[in-house]
Amino acid sequence: MKKPFLKTEIKRAIIEPETDVDEVCIVPGMSMLYMHNAEITVSEDGYAFVTWLQPVKDWKYHVADFIAGCLIVVVFFIACAVFWSAGISLLQNLGVI
């Protein structure tokens, strides 16, 4: 499902040749979530050029995350109030206390 305001940007990394390393295992600045999007090109002199697409979160995502966090906290406190009025501690039921 594509989100309407999801943007992507092209990220690039150059990995210098190392001894005793046969494959690119860690790319600086690349999350493991985007490994399947990566294109790796190895030059004759041993340098690896890695290119991948990575989503960019703009301000709308941050606002949506904040609102979602607030809603979770509100639902938790409502559940606590309901259980407290019934004489049952929600935290005891969850095993926190």
N, C-alpha and C. Protein backbone atom coordinates (compact mmCIF):
# COMPACT_ATOMS: atom_id res chain seq x y z
N MET A 1 0.85 -1.18 0.00
CA MET A 1 0.00 0.00 0.00
C MET A 1 0.89 1.24 0.00
N LYS A 2 0.74 2.08 -0.98
CA LYS A 2 1.55 3.28 -1.08
C LYS A 2 0.89 4.42 -0.33
N LYS A 3 1.65 5.04 0.53
CA LYS A 3 1.12 6.18 1.28
C LYS A 3 1.17 7.42 0.38
N PRO A 4 0.17 8.29 0.47
CA PRO A 4 0.07 9.39 -0.49
C PRO A 4 1.20 10.41 -0.39
N PHE A 5 1.80 10.57 0.77
CA PHE A 5 2.85 11.58 0.89
C PHE A 5 4.21 10.97 1.16
N LEU A 6 4.39 9.72 0.73
CA LEU A 6 5.69 9.06 0.91
C LEU A 6 6.63 9.47 -0.21
N LYS A 7 7.77 9.96 0.14
CA LYS A 7 8.78 10.35 -0.84
C LYS A 7 9.97 9.42 -0.68
N THR A 8 10.71 9.24 -1.76
CA THR A 8 11.93 8.45 -1.68
C THR A 8 13.09 9.28 -2.19
N GLU A 9 14.26 8.95 -1.72
CA GLU A 9 15.46 9.60 -2.22
C GLU A 9 16.49 8.54 -2.53
N ILE A 10 17.36 8.85 -3.47
CA ILE A 10 18.42 7.92 -3.85
C ILE A 10 19.60 8.16 -2.92
N LYS A 11 20.06 7.10 -2.29
CA LYS A 11 21.23 7.18 -1.42
C LYS A 11 22.37 6.44 -2.11
N ARG A 12 23.58 6.90 -1.88
CA ARG A 12 24.75 6.25 -2.48
C ARG A 12 25.85 6.12 -1.45
N ALA A 13 26.61 5.06 -1.58
CA ALA A 13 27.77 4.85 -0.72
C ALA A 13 28.88 4.22 -1.54
N ILE A 14 30.10 4.57 -1.23
CA ILE A 14 31.27 3.97 -1.87
C ILE A 14 32.03 3.23 -0.79
N ILE A 15 32.29 1.97 -1.05
CA ILE A 15 32.99 1.14 -0.07
C ILE A 15 34.37 0.82 -0.63
N GLU A 16 35.39 1.17 0.14
CA GLU A 16 36.76 0.94 -0.30
C GLU A 16 37.09 -0.54 -0.20
N PRO A 17 38.00 -0.99 -1.07
CA PRO A 17 38.37 -2.41 -1.03
C PRO A 17 39.07 -2.76 0.28
N GLU A 18 38.74 -3.91 0.81
CA GLU A 18 39.36 -4.40 2.04
C GLU A 18 39.91 -5.79 1.77
N THR A 19 40.88 -6.17 2.51
CA THR A 19 41.42 -7.51 2.35
C THR A 19 40.56 -8.51 3.09
N ASP A 20 40.46 -9.70 2.59
CA ASP A 20 39.73 -10.82 3.18
C ASP A 20 38.23 -10.56 3.31
N VAL A 21 37.67 -9.68 2.52
CA VAL A 21 36.23 -9.45 2.52
C VAL A 21 35.71 -9.76 1.12
N ASP A 22 34.83 -10.75 1.01
CA ASP A 22 34.33 -11.17 -0.29
C ASP A 22 33.00 -10.53 -0.66
N GLU A 23 32.30 -9.97 0.29
CA GLU A 23 30.99 -9.40 0.00
C GLU A 23 30.77 -8.14 0.82
N VAL A 24 29.87 -7.33 0.35
CA VAL A 24 29.51 -6.11 1.07
C VAL A 24 28.52 -6.48 2.15
N CYS A 25 28.91 -6.33 3.41
CA CYS A 25 28.03 -6.74 4.50
C CYS A 25 27.47 -5.54 5.26
N ILE A 26 28.20 -4.45 5.31
CA ILE A 26 27.73 -3.26 6.03
C ILE A 26 27.93 -2.05 5.12
N VAL A 27 26.88 -1.32 4.91
CA VAL A 27 26.95 -0.10 4.11
C VAL A 27 26.69 1.07 5.04
N PRO A 28 27.61 2.04 5.13
CA PRO A 28 27.41 3.18 6.03
C PRO A 28 26.15 3.97 5.65
N GLY A 29 25.30 4.24 6.64
CA GLY A 29 24.11 5.03 6.42
C GLY A 29 22.93 4.28 5.85
N MET A 30 23.06 2.97 5.68
CA MET A 30 21.97 2.19 5.08
C MET A 30 21.33 1.30 6.12
N SER A 31 20.02 1.43 6.27
CA SER A 31 19.28 0.56 7.17
C SER A 31 19.14 -0.81 6.53
N MET A 32 19.12 -1.83 7.36
CA MET A 32 18.98 -3.19 6.83
C MET A 32 17.62 -3.40 6.18
N LEU A 33 16.65 -2.54 6.46
CA LEU A 33 15.32 -2.66 5.85
C LEU A 33 15.36 -2.44 4.34
N TYR A 34 16.34 -1.68 3.87
CA TYR A 34 16.39 -1.32 2.46
C TYR A 34 17.43 -2.12 1.69
N MET A 35 17.94 -3.19 2.30
CA MET A 35 18.97 -4.00 1.66
C MET A 35 18.46 -4.62 0.36
N HIS A 36 17.17 -5.00 0.33
CA HIS A 36 16.63 -5.63 -0.87
C HIS A 36 16.51 -4.65 -2.04
N ASN A 37 16.55 -3.34 -1.78
CA ASN A 37 16.49 -2.34 -2.84
C ASN A 37 17.86 -1.97 -3.39
N ALA A 38 18.91 -2.50 -2.79
CA ALA A 38 20.26 -2.05 -3.13
C ALA A 38 20.74 -2.63 -4.45
N GLU A 39 21.45 -1.78 -5.19
CA GLU A 39 22.16 -2.23 -6.38
C GLU A 39 23.64 -2.03 -6.11
N ILE A 40 24.41 -3.09 -6.27
CA ILE A 40 25.83 -3.04 -5.97
C ILE A 40 26.61 -3.21 -7.26
N THR A 41 27.52 -2.29 -7.50
CA THR A 41 28.41 -2.36 -8.66
C THR A 41 29.83 -2.36 -8.14
N VAL A 42 30.61 -3.33 -8.57
CA VAL A 42 32.00 -3.43 -8.12
C VAL A 42 32.90 -3.10 -9.30
N SER A 43 33.81 -2.15 -9.08
CA SER A 43 34.72 -1.75 -10.15
C SER A 43 35.92 -2.70 -10.19
N GLU A 44 36.72 -2.55 -11.23
CA GLU A 44 37.88 -3.43 -11.40
C GLU A 44 38.91 -3.25 -10.29
N ASP A 45 38.99 -2.06 -9.73
CA ASP A 45 39.98 -1.83 -8.67
C ASP A 45 39.46 -2.20 -7.29
N GLY A 46 38.26 -2.78 -7.20
CA GLY A 46 37.78 -3.31 -5.93
C GLY A 46 36.81 -2.44 -5.16
N TYR A 47 36.54 -1.24 -5.65
CA TYR A 47 35.59 -0.37 -4.96
C TYR A 47 34.17 -0.84 -5.24
N ALA A 48 33.32 -0.80 -4.24
CA ALA A 48 31.92 -1.17 -4.40
C ALA A 48 31.08 0.09 -4.33
N PHE A 49 30.22 0.28 -5.31
CA PHE A 49 29.32 1.42 -5.36
C PHE A 49 27.91 0.89 -5.09
N VAL A 50 27.31 1.37 -4.01
CA VAL A 50 26.00 0.87 -3.58
C VAL A 50 24.98 2.01 -3.73
N THR A 51 23.87 1.70 -4.39
CA THR A 51 22.79 2.66 -4.58
C THR A 51 21.49 2.02 -4.12
N TRP A 52 20.68 2.78 -3.37
CA TRP A 52 19.39 2.24 -2.93
C TRP A 52 18.39 3.38 -2.75
N LEU A 53 17.11 3.02 -2.81
CA LEU A 53 16.03 3.97 -2.55
C LEU A 53 15.63 3.89 -1.09
N GLN A 54 15.46 5.03 -0.48
CA GLN A 54 15.09 5.07 0.93
C GLN A 54 13.97 6.08 1.11
N PRO A 55 12.89 5.68 1.83
CA PRO A 55 11.79 6.63 2.06
C PRO A 55 12.24 7.83 2.89
N VAL A 56 11.66 8.96 2.58
CA VAL A 56 11.93 10.18 3.32
C VAL A 56 10.67 10.53 4.11
N LYS A 57 10.82 10.68 5.40
CA LYS A 57 9.68 11.09 6.23
C LYS A 57 9.67 12.62 6.30
N ASP A 58 8.61 13.20 5.79
CA ASP A 58 8.49 14.64 5.91
C ASP A 58 7.67 14.98 7.16
N TRP A 59 7.32 16.24 7.32
CA TRP A 59 6.68 16.69 8.56
C TRP A 59 5.34 16.00 8.80
N LYS A 60 4.66 15.57 7.75
CA LYS A 60 3.36 14.92 7.93
C LYS A 60 3.50 13.61 8.71
N TYR A 61 4.58 12.88 8.45
CA TYR A 61 4.81 11.64 9.19
C TYR A 61 5.06 11.93 10.66
N HIS A 62 5.84 12.97 10.95
CA HIS A 62 6.13 13.29 12.34
C HIS A 62 4.86 13.72 13.09
N VAL A 63 4.01 14.49 12.43
CA VAL A 63 2.74 14.89 13.05
C VAL A 63 1.86 13.67 13.28
N ALA A 64 1.78 12.78 12.28
CA ALA A 64 0.97 11.57 12.41
C ALA A 64 1.50 10.67 13.53
N ASP A 65 2.83 10.53 13.64
CA ASP A 65 3.42 9.73 14.72
C ASP A 65 3.09 10.33 16.09
N PHE A 66 3.16 11.66 16.20
CA PHE A 66 2.85 12.33 17.46
C PHE A 66 1.39 12.11 17.85
N ILE A 67 0.49 12.27 16.89
CA ILE A 67 -0.94 12.07 17.17
C ILE A 67 -1.22 10.62 17.56
N ALA A 68 -0.59 9.68 16.87
CA ALA A 68 -0.77 8.26 17.20
C ALA A 68 -0.27 7.97 18.61
N GLY A 69 0.87 8.54 18.98
CA GLY A 69 1.39 8.36 20.33
C GLY A 69 0.46 8.93 21.38
N CYS A 70 -0.09 10.10 21.11
CA CYS A 70 -1.05 10.70 22.05
C CYS A 70 -2.29 9.84 22.20
N LEU A 71 -2.79 9.29 21.09
CA LEU A 71 -3.97 8.43 21.15
C LEU A 71 -3.71 7.17 21.95
N ILE A 72 -2.53 6.60 21.81
CA ILE A 72 -2.18 5.39 22.58
C ILE A 72 -2.18 5.70 24.07
N VAL A 73 -1.60 6.84 24.45
CA VAL A 73 -1.55 7.24 25.86
C VAL A 73 -2.97 7.48 26.39
N VAL A 74 -3.80 8.14 25.61
CA VAL A 74 -5.18 8.41 26.04
C VAL A 74 -5.95 7.10 26.21
N VAL A 75 -5.82 6.18 25.27
CA VAL A 75 -6.51 4.89 25.38
C VAL A 75 -6.03 4.12 26.61
N PHE A 76 -4.73 4.18 26.89
CA PHE A 76 -4.19 3.50 28.07
C PHE A 76 -4.80 4.08 29.35
N PHE A 77 -4.86 5.42 29.45
CA PHE A 77 -5.42 6.03 30.65
C PHE A 77 -6.91 5.76 30.79
N ILE A 78 -7.63 5.71 29.68
CA ILE A 78 -9.05 5.36 29.74
C ILE A 78 -9.21 3.93 30.23
N ALA A 79 -8.39 3.02 29.72
CA ALA A 79 -8.45 1.62 30.17
C ALA A 79 -8.12 1.52 31.66
N CYS A 80 -7.11 2.29 32.11
CA CYS A 80 -6.77 2.29 33.54
C CYS A 80 -7.95 2.80 34.37
N ALA A 81 -8.61 3.86 33.90
CA ALA A 81 -9.75 4.41 34.64
C ALA A 81 -10.89 3.41 34.71
N VAL A 82 -11.14 2.70 33.63
CA VAL A 82 -12.22 1.71 33.61
C VAL A 82 -11.90 0.57 34.57
N PHE A 83 -10.68 0.06 34.51
CA PHE A 83 -10.30 -1.03 35.40
C PHE A 83 -10.25 -0.57 36.86
N TRP A 84 -9.80 0.68 37.10
CA TRP A 84 -9.73 1.19 38.46
C TRP A 84 -11.13 1.34 39.05
N SER A 85 -12.07 1.81 38.22
CA SER A 85 -13.44 1.95 38.72
C SER A 85 -14.07 0.59 38.99
N ALA A 86 -13.58 -0.44 38.32
CA ALA A 86 -14.08 -1.79 38.56
C ALA A 86 -13.33 -2.46 39.71
N GLY A 87 -12.34 -1.78 40.25
CA GLY A 87 -11.57 -2.33 41.38
C GLY A 87 -10.45 -3.26 40.94
N ILE A 88 -10.09 -3.22 39.68
CA ILE A 88 -9.02 -4.08 39.16
C ILE A 88 -7.92 -3.17 38.63
N SER A 89 -6.70 -3.47 38.98
CA SER A 89 -5.58 -2.68 38.50
C SER A 89 -5.11 -3.23 37.15
N LEU A 90 -5.11 -2.36 36.14
CA LEU A 90 -4.67 -2.77 34.81
C LEU A 90 -3.20 -3.17 34.82
N LEU A 91 -2.41 -2.44 35.60
CA LEU A 91 -0.98 -2.77 35.66
C LEU A 91 -0.75 -4.13 36.30
N GLN A 92 -1.58 -4.52 37.27
CA GLN A 92 -1.45 -5.85 37.86
C GLN A 92 -1.85 -6.92 36.85
N ASN A 93 -2.88 -6.65 36.05
CA ASN A 93 -3.28 -7.61 35.03
C ASN A 93 -2.22 -7.79 33.96
N LEU A 94 -1.52 -6.71 33.63
CA LEU A 94 -0.46 -6.80 32.63
C LEU A 94 0.82 -7.39 33.21
N GLY A 95 0.90 -7.54 34.51
CA GLY A 95 2.08 -8.10 35.14
C GLY A 95 3.19 -7.10 35.38
N VAL A 96 2.88 -5.82 35.28
CA VAL A 96 3.89 -4.78 35.50
C VAL A 96 4.17 -4.63 36.99
N ILE A 97 3.13 -4.69 37.81
CA ILE A 97 3.29 -4.53 39.27
C ILE A 97 3.19 -5.89 39.92
